[in-house]
């Protein structure tokens, strides 16, 4: 069945690529595909926003084009640049041949497509059918002028290049924007997108993710990992840490435990491997042996 045919088919297609999406997320992606609208995914770091775009590109058999945003990003890094060295060589070659250089004609000659270096947005618009998956990653790290620059693309799947004109999409790109919500995005960006808040997975879904990504882990070890990380994120334990571990950390921790031939997680193992779960010195220090013992307590058996 085609991955676009239904929400269930899309969920299965993503599952086949190793991404376990719940129904709400799969519905948001399905509608973005059907309505040909960008999808804005917000959520804490490590909940699977970027991984979704990667899995979706594989499921749809489309090329993935990634635009990694950062503070101070300029439009030229997202859209295009001119190959100034090649343009200069062209003009010098014309002069060397003794040709009178007409400035108007010279400008037309050097501002041709062969001197254009496409960056991610332009690459996505020019991608042949069936089109590309464009990941605009961590858009909240860019500044507000860059958000304004994105509006034409997000609203109309086109961009304007002063020397050439308007470039419209050859095939509508599937566009995924991600945000860790380090700041609020402008309403104009949000209005042009479908929206989904991606939260940490429920324990059973995280267990399924660990099982799928770390087949070498025993069922008991995978359950311990899922339970431990789930408790880390819950109150009151979460207040002890600056940032809770994401799904990526859960998977990496499970892989590390398998590499250490761990059969049962104990406080000593937790202490030795805390740097996989946390990336801040303060968080590693906060995961004390006493707290680890509390987090590792088995669940009470159902009566």
C-alpha atoms as a PDB file:
ATOM      1  CA  UNK A   1       0.000   0.000   0.000  1.00  0.00           C
ATOM      2  CA  UNK A   2       1.212   3.495  -0.849  1.00  0.00           C
ATOM      3  CA  UNK A   3       2.626   5.381   2.142  1.00  0.00           C
ATOM      4  CA  UNK A   4       0.242   8.257   1.284  1.00  0.00           C
ATOM      5  CA  UNK A   5      -2.912   6.155   1.156  1.00  0.00           C
ATOM      6  CA  UNK A   6      -3.899   6.371   4.816  1.00  0.00           C
ATOM      7  CA  UNK A   7      -2.668   7.256   8.281  1.00  0.00           C
ATOM      8  CA  UNK A   8      -2.257   3.561   9.077  1.00  0.00           C
ATOM      9  CA  UNK A   9      -0.205   2.979   5.931  1.00  0.00           C
ATOM     10  CA  UNK A  10       2.008   5.943   6.782  1.00  0.00           C
ATOM     11  CA  UNK A  11       2.526   4.655  10.319  1.00  0.00           C
ATOM     12  CA  UNK A  12       3.571   1.299   8.915  1.00  0.00           C
ATOM     13  CA  UNK A  13       5.881   2.883   6.344  1.00  0.00           C
ATOM     14  CA  UNK A  14       7.612   4.875   9.090  1.00  0.00           C
ATOM     15  CA  UNK A  15       7.775   1.768  11.285  1.00  0.00           C
ATOM     16  CA  UNK A  16       9.478  -0.089   8.432  1.00  0.00           C
ATOM     17  CA  UNK A  17      12.126   2.643   8.493  1.00  0.00           C
ATOM     18  CA  UNK A  18      12.632   2.242  12.241  1.00  0.00           C
ATOM     19  CA  UNK A  19      10.516   5.214  13.356  1.00  0.00           C
ATOM     20  CA  UNK A  20       7.589   4.444  15.668  1.00  0.00           C
ATOM     21  CA  UNK A  21       5.121   7.301  15.384  1.00  0.00           C
ATOM     22  CA  UNK A  22       1.957   7.489  17.439  1.00  0.00           C
ATOM     23  CA  UNK A  23      -1.339   8.116  15.675  1.00  0.00           C
ATOM     24  CA  UNK A  24      -1.507  11.849  16.447  1.00  0.00           C
ATOM     25  CA  UNK A  25       1.915  12.447  14.924  1.00  0.00           C
ATOM     26  CA  UNK A  26       1.207  10.221  11.931  1.00  0.00           C
ATOM     27  CA  UNK A  27      -2.056  12.094  11.339  1.00  0.00           C
ATOM     28  CA  UNK A  28      -0.220  15.433  11.351  1.00  0.00           C
ATOM     29  CA  UNK A  29       2.328  14.137   8.844  1.00  0.00           C
ATOM     30  CA  UNK A  30      -0.386  12.562   6.681  1.00  0.00           C
ATOM     31  CA  UNK A  31      -2.320  15.842   6.527  1.00  0.00           C
ATOM     32  CA  UNK A  32       0.843  17.795   5.704  1.00  0.00           C
ATOM     33  CA  UNK A  33       1.408  15.441   2.774  1.00  0.00           C
ATOM     34  CA  UNK A  34      -2.186  15.513   1.574  1.00  0.00           C
ATOM     35  CA  UNK A  35      -2.646  19.272   1.926  1.00  0.00           C
ATOM     36  CA  UNK A  36       0.901  20.032   0.704  1.00  0.00           C
ATOM     37  CA  UNK A  37       1.566  22.237   3.719  1.00  0.00           C
ATOM     38  CA  UNK A  38       4.774  22.618   5.744  1.00  0.00           C
ATOM     39  CA  UNK A  39       4.728  20.880   9.120  1.00  0.00           C
ATOM     40  CA  UNK A  40       6.176  22.630  12.166  1.00  0.00           C
ATOM     41  CA  UNK A  41       7.314  20.216  14.872  1.00  0.00           C
ATOM     42  CA  UNK A  42       8.047  21.704  18.278  1.00  0.00           C
ATOM     43  CA  UNK A  43       9.291  19.819  21.309  1.00  0.00           C
ATOM     44  CA  UNK A  44      12.153  19.228  23.682  1.00  0.00           C
ATOM     45  CA  UNK A  45      15.542  18.244  22.202  1.00  0.00           C
ATOM     46  CA  UNK A  46      15.842  14.529  21.540  1.00  0.00           C
ATOM     47  CA  UNK A  47      12.181  13.621  21.068  1.00  0.00           C
ATOM     48  CA  UNK A  48      12.622  12.542  17.434  1.00  0.00           C
ATOM     49  CA  UNK A  49      11.813  15.619  15.344  1.00  0.00           C
ATOM     50  CA  UNK A  50      14.826  15.398  13.044  1.00  0.00           C
ATOM     51  CA  UNK A  51      14.642  11.604  12.937  1.00  0.00           C
ATOM     52  CA  UNK A  52      11.058  11.860  11.659  1.00  0.00           C
ATOM     53  CA  UNK A  53      12.127  13.875   8.617  1.00  0.00           C
ATOM     54  CA  UNK A  54      14.913  11.396   7.909  1.00  0.00           C
ATOM     55  CA  UNK A  55      12.574   8.389   8.194  1.00  0.00           C
ATOM     56  CA  UNK A  56       9.908  10.118   6.100  1.00  0.00           C
ATOM     57  CA  UNK A  57      12.378  10.790   3.291  1.00  0.00           C
ATOM     58  CA  UNK A  58      13.307   7.106   3.234  1.00  0.00           C
ATOM     59  CA  UNK A  59       9.669   5.998   3.380  1.00  0.00           C
ATOM     60  CA  UNK A  60       8.716   8.281   0.481  1.00  0.00           C
ATOM     61  CA  UNK A  61      11.925   7.468  -1.423  1.00  0.00           C
ATOM     62  CA  UNK A  62      12.734  11.145  -1.733  1.00  0.00           C
ATOM     63  CA  UNK A  63      16.041  12.901  -1.321  1.00  0.00           C
ATOM     64  CA  UNK A  64      16.489  14.595   2.067  1.00  0.00           C
ATOM     65  CA  UNK A  65      17.806  18.161   1.967  1.00  0.00           C
ATOM     66  CA  UNK A  66      18.725  19.640   5.344  1.00  0.00           C
ATOM     67  CA  UNK A  67      19.031  23.287   6.294  1.00  0.00           C
ATOM     68  CA  UNK A  68      20.597  23.515   9.760  1.00  0.00           C
ATOM     69  CA  UNK A  69      19.711  26.874  11.273  1.00  0.00           C
ATOM     70  CA  UNK A  70      21.901  28.869  13.648  1.00  0.00           C
ATOM     71  CA  UNK A  71      22.171  32.345  15.084  1.00  0.00           C
ATOM     72  CA  UNK A  72      23.263  34.865  12.473  1.00  0.00           C
ATOM     73  CA  UNK A  73      22.383  32.701   9.470  1.00  0.00           C
ATOM     74  CA  UNK A  74      22.229  34.706   6.255  1.00  0.00           C
ATOM     75  CA  UNK A  75      19.789  34.288   3.388  1.00  0.00           C
ATOM     76  CA  UNK A  76      22.529  33.356   0.945  1.00  0.00           C
ATOM     77  CA  UNK A  77      23.411  30.324   3.051  1.00  0.00           C
ATOM     78  CA  UNK A  78      19.835  29.086   2.785  1.00  0.00           C
ATOM     79  CA  UNK A  79      18.913  30.028  -0.778  1.00  0.00           C
ATOM     80  CA  UNK A  80      21.782  30.623  -3.217  1.00  0.00           C
ATOM     81  CA  UNK A  81      25.145  32.225  -3.859  1.00  0.00           C
ATOM     82  CA  UNK A  82      26.780  33.436  -7.010  1.00  0.00           C
ATOM     83  CA  UNK A  83      30.049  31.849  -8.048  1.00  0.00           C
ATOM     84  CA  UNK A  84      31.945  35.124  -8.001  1.00  0.00           C
ATOM     85  CA  UNK A  85      35.262  33.559  -8.979  1.00  0.00           C
ATOM     86  CA  UNK A  86      33.755  32.007 -12.124  1.00  0.00           C
ATOM     87  CA  UNK A  87      31.961  35.259 -12.974  1.00  0.00           C
ATOM     88  CA  UNK A  88      35.209  37.214 -12.686  1.00  0.00           C
ATOM     89  CA  UNK A  89      37.054  34.715 -14.876  1.00  0.00           C
ATOM     90  CA  UNK A  90      34.312  35.059 -17.496  1.00  0.00           C
ATOM     91  CA  UNK A  91      34.698  38.831 -17.590  1.00  0.00           C
ATOM     92  CA  UNK A  92      38.485  38.640 -17.752  1.00  0.00           C
ATOM     93  CA  UNK A  93      38.287  36.122 -20.582  1.00  0.00           C
ATOM     94  CA  UNK A  94      36.035  38.477 -22.498  1.00  0.00           C
ATOM     95  CA  UNK A  95      38.526  41.323 -21.988  1.00  0.00           C
ATOM     96  CA  UNK A  96      41.449  39.112 -23.010  1.00  0.00           C
ATOM     97  CA  UNK A  97      39.724  38.363 -26.307  1.00  0.00           C
ATOM     98  CA  UNK A  98      39.660  42.073 -27.017  1.00  0.00           C
ATOM     99  CA  UNK A  99      35.890  42.278 -26.804  1.00  0.00           C
ATOM    100  CA  UNK A 100      34.423  45.615 -25.793  1.00  0.00           C
ATOM    101  CA  UNK A 101      32.654  44.923 -22.567  1.00  0.00           C
ATOM    102  CA  UNK A 102      29.122  46.247 -22.535  1.00  0.00           C
ATOM    103  CA  UNK A 103      28.086  46.396 -18.880  1.00  0.00           C
ATOM    104  CA  UNK A 104      24.466  45.455 -19.542  1.00  0.00           C
ATOM    105  CA  UNK A 105      25.421  42.474 -21.682  1.00  0.00           C
ATOM    106  CA  UNK A 106      28.130  41.464 -19.210  1.00  0.00           C
ATOM    107  CA  UNK A 107      25.644  41.485 -16.357  1.00  0.00           C
ATOM    108  CA  UNK A 108      23.267  39.297 -18.341  1.00  0.00           C
ATOM    109  CA  UNK A 109      26.082  36.886 -19.136  1.00  0.00           C
ATOM    110  CA  UNK A 110      27.395  36.441 -15.596  1.00  0.00           C
ATOM    111  CA  UNK A 111      23.987  36.219 -13.932  1.00  0.00           C
ATOM    112  CA  UNK A 112      23.094  32.952 -15.594  1.00  0.00           C
ATOM    113  CA  UNK A 113      22.143  29.686 -14.023  1.00  0.00           C
ATOM    114  CA  UNK A 114      25.557  28.136 -14.601  1.00  0.00           C
ATOM    115  CA  UNK A 115      27.072  30.639 -12.173  1.00  0.00           C
ATOM    116  CA  UNK A 116      24.415  30.016  -9.527  1.00  0.00           C
ATOM    117  CA  UNK A 117      25.287  27.863  -6.495  1.00  0.00           C
ATOM    118  CA  UNK A 118      21.995  26.529  -5.095  1.00  0.00           C
ATOM    119  CA  UNK A 119      21.643  26.148  -1.347  1.00  0.00           C
ATOM    120  CA  UNK A 120      19.028  23.995   0.452  1.00  0.00           C
ATOM    121  CA  UNK A 121      15.872  26.032  -0.302  1.00  0.00           C
ATOM    122  CA  UNK A 122      16.676  26.367  -3.983  1.00  0.00           C
ATOM    123  CA  UNK A 123      17.798  22.735  -4.176  1.00  0.00           C
ATOM    124  CA  UNK A 124      14.444  21.660  -2.751  1.00  0.00           C
ATOM    125  CA  UNK A 125      12.492  23.791  -5.212  1.00  0.00           C
ATOM    126  CA  UNK A 126      14.460  22.459  -8.168  1.00  0.00           C
ATOM    127  CA  UNK A 127      14.392  18.805  -7.149  1.00  0.00           C
ATOM    128  CA  UNK A 128      12.770  16.716  -9.897  1.00  0.00           C
ATOM    129  CA  UNK A 129       9.628  14.674  -9.292  1.00  0.00           C
ATOM    130  CA  UNK A 130       8.629  13.241  -6.915  1.00  0.00           C
ATOM    131  CA  UNK A 131      10.409  16.091  -5.104  1.00  0.00           C
ATOM    132  CA  UNK A 132      12.517  16.416  -1.997  1.00  0.00           C
ATOM    133  CA  UNK A 133      11.978  16.355   1.736  1.00  0.00           C
ATOM    134  CA  UNK A 134      13.321  19.654   3.063  1.00  0.00           C
ATOM    135  CA  UNK A 135      14.246  19.679   6.741  1.00  0.00           C
ATOM    136  CA  UNK A 136      14.579  23.198   8.180  1.00  0.00           C
ATOM    137  CA  UNK A 137      16.153  22.124  11.440  1.00  0.00           C
ATOM    138  CA  UNK A 138      16.077  24.161  14.663  1.00  0.00           C
ATOM    139  CA  UNK A 139      14.492  27.186  13.013  1.00  0.00           C
ATOM    140  CA  UNK A 140      14.200  28.798  16.460  1.00  0.00           C
ATOM    141  CA  UNK A 141      17.984  29.261  16.458  1.00  0.00           C
ATOM    142  CA  UNK A 142      17.810  31.653  13.509  1.00  0.00           C
ATOM    143  CA  UNK A 143      16.785  35.276  14.001  1.00  0.00           C
ATOM    144  CA  UNK A 144      13.511  37.019  13.155  1.00  0.00           C
ATOM    145  CA  UNK A 145      14.649  38.509   9.811  1.00  0.00           C
ATOM    146  CA  UNK A 146      15.416  34.978   8.647  1.00  0.00           C
ATOM    147  CA  UNK A 147      11.892  33.916   9.631  1.00  0.00           C
ATOM    148  CA  UNK A 148      10.519  36.753   7.484  1.00  0.00           C
ATOM    149  CA  UNK A 149      12.685  35.591   4.599  1.00  0.00           C
ATOM    150  CA  UNK A 150      11.148  32.090   4.833  1.00  0.00           C
ATOM    151  CA  UNK A 151       7.555  33.302   4.461  1.00  0.00           C
ATOM    152  CA  UNK A 152       7.484  33.320   0.656  1.00  0.00           C
ATOM    153  CA  UNK A 153       8.795  29.768   0.499  1.00  0.00           C
ATOM    154  CA  UNK A 154       6.480  28.464   3.232  1.00  0.00           C
ATOM    155  CA  UNK A 155       3.393  30.111   1.804  1.00  0.00           C
ATOM    156  CA  UNK A 156       3.860  29.618  -1.931  1.00  0.00           C
ATOM    157  CA  UNK A 157       6.739  27.183  -2.433  1.00  0.00           C
ATOM    158  CA  UNK A 158       8.649  29.777  -4.394  1.00  0.00           C
ATOM    159  CA  UNK A 159      11.514  32.223  -3.899  1.00  0.00           C
ATOM    160  CA  UNK A 160      12.529  35.441  -5.600  1.00  0.00           C
ATOM    161  CA  UNK A 161      16.043  35.909  -6.944  1.00  0.00           C
ATOM    162  CA  UNK A 162      16.578  39.530  -8.018  1.00  0.00           C
ATOM    163  CA  UNK A 163      18.864  38.737 -10.977  1.00  0.00           C
ATOM    164  CA  UNK A 164      16.721  35.875 -12.311  1.00  0.00           C
ATOM    165  CA  UNK A 165      13.161  36.291 -11.050  1.00  0.00           C
ATOM    166  CA  UNK A 166      10.778  33.964  -9.249  1.00  0.00           C
ATOM    167  CA  UNK A 167      11.657  30.292  -8.930  1.00  0.00           C
ATOM    168  CA  UNK A 168       8.686  28.025  -8.310  1.00  0.00           C
ATOM    169  CA  UNK A 169       8.775  24.429  -7.166  1.00  0.00           C
ATOM    170  CA  UNK A 170       9.217  21.861  -9.917  1.00  0.00           C
ATOM    171  CA  UNK A 171       7.588  19.345  -7.542  1.00  0.00           C
ATOM    172  CA  UNK A 172       6.165  20.451  -4.201  1.00  0.00           C
ATOM    173  CA  UNK A 173       8.739  19.672  -1.495  1.00  0.00           C
ATOM    174  CA  UNK A 174       7.665  17.963   1.711  1.00  0.00           C
ATOM    175  CA  UNK A 175       8.789  20.546   4.253  1.00  0.00           C
ATOM    176  CA  UNK A 176       9.444  19.814   7.929  1.00  0.00           C
ATOM    177  CA  UNK A 177      10.458  22.604  10.309  1.00  0.00           C
ATOM    178  CA  UNK A 178      11.714  21.731  13.772  1.00  0.00           C
ATOM    179  CA  UNK A 179      11.987  23.942  16.847  1.00  0.00           C
ATOM    180  CA  UNK A 180      13.280  23.252  20.357  1.00  0.00           C
ATOM    181  CA  UNK A 181      11.312  26.340  21.450  1.00  0.00           C
ATOM    182  CA  UNK A 182      14.319  28.268  22.688  1.00  0.00           C
ATOM    183  CA  UNK A 183      12.197  31.237  21.615  1.00  0.00           C
ATOM    184  CA  UNK A 184       8.712  31.753  20.206  1.00  0.00           C
ATOM    185  CA  UNK A 185       8.400  31.777  16.442  1.00  0.00           C
ATOM    186  CA  UNK A 186       6.476  34.551  14.725  1.00  0.00           C
ATOM    187  CA  UNK A 187       2.772  33.942  14.096  1.00  0.00           C
ATOM    188  CA  UNK A 188       3.312  34.503  10.367  1.00  0.00           C
ATOM    189  CA  UNK A 189       5.501  31.392  10.230  1.00  0.00           C
ATOM    190  CA  UNK A 190       3.059  29.328  12.278  1.00  0.00           C
ATOM    191  CA  UNK A 191       0.071  30.355  10.127  1.00  0.00           C
ATOM    192  CA  UNK A 192       1.746  28.943   7.043  1.00  0.00           C
ATOM    193  CA  UNK A 193       2.371  25.563   8.660  1.00  0.00           C
ATOM    194  CA  UNK A 194       0.496  22.707  10.209  1.00  0.00           C
ATOM    195  CA  UNK A 195       1.596  22.320  13.814  1.00  0.00           C
ATOM    196  CA  UNK A 196       2.388  19.412  16.115  1.00  0.00           C
ATOM    197  CA  UNK A 197       3.898  19.365  19.587  1.00  0.00           C
ATOM    198  CA  UNK A 198       6.118  16.302  19.848  1.00  0.00           C
ATOM    199  CA  UNK A 199       6.414  15.161  23.444  1.00  0.00           C
ATOM    200  CA  UNK A 200       8.481  12.447  25.072  1.00  0.00           C
ATOM    201  CA  UNK A 201       6.972   9.066  24.227  1.00  0.00           C
ATOM    202  CA  UNK A 202       4.936   7.028  26.653  1.00  0.00           C
ATOM    203  CA  UNK A 203       6.931   4.271  28.290  1.00  0.00           C
ATOM    204  CA  UNK A 204       5.548   1.434  26.154  1.00  0.00           C
ATOM    205  CA  UNK A 205       6.321   3.277  22.922  1.00  0.00           C
ATOM    206  CA  UNK A 206       9.822   4.110  24.139  1.00  0.00           C
ATOM    207  CA  UNK A 207      10.268   0.451  25.037  1.00  0.00           C
ATOM    208  CA  UNK A 208       9.265  -0.484  21.494  1.00  0.00           C
ATOM    209  CA  UNK A 209      11.771   2.069  20.120  1.00  0.00           C
ATOM    210  CA  UNK A 210      14.592   0.670  22.260  1.00  0.00           C
ATOM    211  CA  UNK A 211      13.730  -2.878  21.190  1.00  0.00           C
ATOM    212  CA  UNK A 212      13.724  -1.874  17.518  1.00  0.00           C
ATOM    213  CA  UNK A 213      16.931   0.191  17.657  1.00  0.00           C
ATOM    214  CA  UNK A 214      18.876  -2.092  20.020  1.00  0.00           C
ATOM    215  CA  UNK A 215      17.990  -5.664  19.081  1.00  0.00           C
ATOM    216  CA  UNK A 216      20.913  -6.952  21.155  1.00  0.00           C
ATOM    217  CA  UNK A 217      19.293  -5.798  24.391  1.00  0.00           C
ATOM    218  CA  UNK A 218      17.393  -8.423  26.361  1.00  0.00           C
ATOM    219  CA  UNK A 219      13.746  -7.775  27.078  1.00  0.00           C
ATOM    220  CA  UNK A 220      14.517  -7.261  30.760  1.00  0.00           C
ATOM    221  CA  UNK A 221      17.291  -4.740  30.004  1.00  0.00           C
ATOM    222  CA  UNK A 222      15.128  -2.838  27.505  1.00  0.00           C
ATOM    223  CA  UNK A 223      12.360  -2.616  30.097  1.00  0.00           C
ATOM    224  CA  UNK A 224      14.774  -1.319  32.724  1.00  0.00           C
ATOM    225  CA  UNK A 225      16.049   1.350  30.349  1.00  0.00           C
ATOM    226  CA  UNK A 226      12.548   2.496  29.383  1.00  0.00           C
ATOM    227  CA  UNK A 227      11.362   2.538  33.004  1.00  0.00           C
ATOM    228  CA  UNK A 228      14.464   4.350  34.305  1.00  0.00           C
ATOM    229  CA  UNK A 229      14.381   7.082  31.665  1.00  0.00           C
ATOM    230  CA  UNK A 230      10.621   7.487  32.004  1.00  0.00           C
ATOM    231  CA  UNK A 231      11.048   8.053  35.729  1.00  0.00           C
ATOM    232  CA  UNK A 232      13.891  10.523  35.133  1.00  0.00           C
ATOM    233  CA  UNK A 233      11.482  12.688  33.132  1.00  0.00           C
ATOM    234  CA  UNK A 234       8.648  12.480  35.646  1.00  0.00           C
ATOM    235  CA  UNK A 235       8.004  14.589  38.705  1.00  0.00           C
ATOM    236  CA  UNK A 236       9.567  15.094  41.161  1.00  0.00           C
ATOM    237  CA  UNK A 237      12.769  13.635  39.648  1.00  0.00           C
ATOM    238  CA  UNK A 238      12.779  15.932  36.585  1.00  0.00           C
ATOM    239  CA  UNK A 239      13.239  18.999  38.804  1.00  0.00           C
ATOM    240  CA  UNK A 240      16.715  17.770  39.755  1.00  0.00           C
ATOM    241  CA  UNK A 241      18.008  18.100  36.170  1.00  0.00           C
ATOM    242  CA  UNK A 242      18.457  20.891  33.643  1.00  0.00           C
ATOM    243  CA  UNK A 243      17.367  18.707  30.730  1.00  0.00           C
ATOM    244  CA  UNK A 244      15.801  15.291  30.661  1.00  0.00           C
ATOM    245  CA  UNK A 245      17.281  12.623  28.370  1.00  0.00           C
ATOM    246  CA  UNK A 246      15.674  12.308  24.948  1.00  0.00           C
ATOM    247  CA  UNK A 247      14.886   9.195  22.950  1.00  0.00           C
ATOM    248  CA  UNK A 248      18.321   9.354  21.322  1.00  0.00           C
ATOM    249  CA  UNK A 249      19.942   9.153  24.764  1.00  0.00           C
ATOM    250  CA  UNK A 250      17.736   6.219  25.747  1.00  0.00           C
ATOM    251  CA  UNK A 251      18.827   4.306  22.661  1.00  0.00           C
ATOM    252  CA  UNK A 252      22.504   5.204  23.120  1.00  0.00           C
ATOM    253  CA  UNK A 253      22.354   4.186  26.775  1.00  0.00           C
ATOM    254  CA  UNK A 254      20.832   0.832  25.858  1.00  0.00           C
ATOM    255  CA  UNK A 255      23.585   0.275  23.278  1.00  0.00           C
ATOM    256  CA  UNK A 256      26.218   1.145  25.870  1.00  0.00           C
ATOM    257  CA  UNK A 257      24.721  -1.257  28.401  1.00  0.00           C
ATOM    258  CA  UNK A 258      24.748  -4.040  25.811  1.00  0.00           C
ATOM    259  CA  UNK A 259      28.401  -3.229  24.999  1.00  0.00           C
ATOM    260  CA  UNK A 260      29.185  -3.554  28.718  1.00  0.00           C
ATOM    261  CA  UNK A 261      27.429  -6.935  28.851  1.00  0.00           C
ATOM    262  CA  UNK A 262      25.028  -5.541  31.426  1.00  0.00           C
ATOM    263  CA  UNK A 263      22.338  -7.956  32.529  1.00  0.00           C
ATOM    264  CA  UNK A 264      20.764  -5.841  35.275  1.00  0.00           C
ATOM    265  CA  UNK A 265      21.172  -2.092  35.721  1.00  0.00           C
ATOM    266  CA  UNK A 266      22.417  -1.103  39.184  1.00  0.00           C
ATOM    267  CA  UNK A 267      23.492   2.237  40.710  1.00  0.00           C
ATOM    268  CA  UNK A 268      27.157   1.631  39.881  1.00  0.00           C
ATOM    269  CA  UNK A 269      26.380   1.080  36.206  1.00  0.00           C
ATOM    270  CA  UNK A 270      24.198   4.183  36.214  1.00  0.00           C
ATOM    271  CA  UNK A 271      27.064   6.237  37.666  1.00  0.00           C
ATOM    272  CA  UNK A 272      29.574   4.852  35.157  1.00  0.00           C
ATOM    273  CA  UNK A 273      27.341   5.628  32.165  1.00  0.00           C
ATOM    274  CA  UNK A 274      25.655   8.864  33.309  1.00  0.00           C
ATOM    275  CA  UNK A 275      27.533  10.816  30.637  1.00  0.00           C
ATOM    276  CA  UNK A 276      25.442   9.092  27.981  1.00  0.00           C
ATOM    277  CA  UNK A 277      22.144  10.137  29.528  1.00  0.00           C
ATOM    278  CA  UNK A 278      23.220  13.691  30.378  1.00  0.00           C
ATOM    279  CA  UNK A 279      25.459  16.228  28.649  1.00  0.00           C
ATOM    280  CA  UNK A 280      25.758  18.739  31.488  1.00  0.00           C
ATOM    281  CA  UNK A 281      28.205  18.367  34.363  1.00  0.00           C
ATOM    282  CA  UNK A 282      25.551  19.493  36.838  1.00  0.00           C
ATOM    283  CA  UNK A 283      23.091  16.865  35.621  1.00  0.00           C
ATOM    284  CA  UNK A 284      25.672  14.086  35.868  1.00  0.00           C
ATOM    285  CA  UNK A 285      26.456  15.184  39.420  1.00  0.00           C
ATOM    286  CA  UNK A 286      22.753  15.321  40.298  1.00  0.00           C
ATOM    287  CA  UNK A 287      22.328  11.646  39.392  1.00  0.00           C
ATOM    288  CA  UNK A 288      23.580  10.398  42.742  1.00  0.00           C
ATOM    289  CA  UNK A 289      23.712   6.783  43.882  1.00  0.00           C
ATOM    290  CA  UNK A 290      20.809   7.417  46.254  1.00  0.00           C
ATOM    291  CA  UNK A 291      18.677   8.870  43.456  1.00  0.00           C
ATOM    292  CA  UNK A 292      19.688   6.024  41.125  1.00  0.00           C
ATOM    293  CA  UNK A 293      18.555   3.469  43.733  1.00  0.00           C
ATOM    294  CA  UNK A 294      15.205   5.204  43.956  1.00  0.00           C
ATOM    295  CA  UNK A 295      14.800   5.323  40.182  1.00  0.00           C
ATOM    296  CA  UNK A 296      15.728   1.652  39.831  1.00  0.00           C
ATOM    297  CA  UNK A 297      13.069   0.398  42.232  1.00  0.00           C
ATOM    298  CA  UNK A 298      10.953  -2.263  40.503  1.00  0.00           C
ATOM    299  CA  UNK A 299       7.371  -1.445  39.741  1.00  0.00           C
ATOM    300  CA  UNK A 300       4.860  -2.788  42.244  1.00  0.00           C
ATOM    301  CA  UNK A 301       3.169  -5.904  40.984  1.00  0.00           C
ATOM    302  CA  UNK A 302      -0.445  -5.503  40.016  1.00  0.00           C
ATOM    303  CA  UNK A 303      -2.739  -7.024  42.602  1.00  0.00           C
END
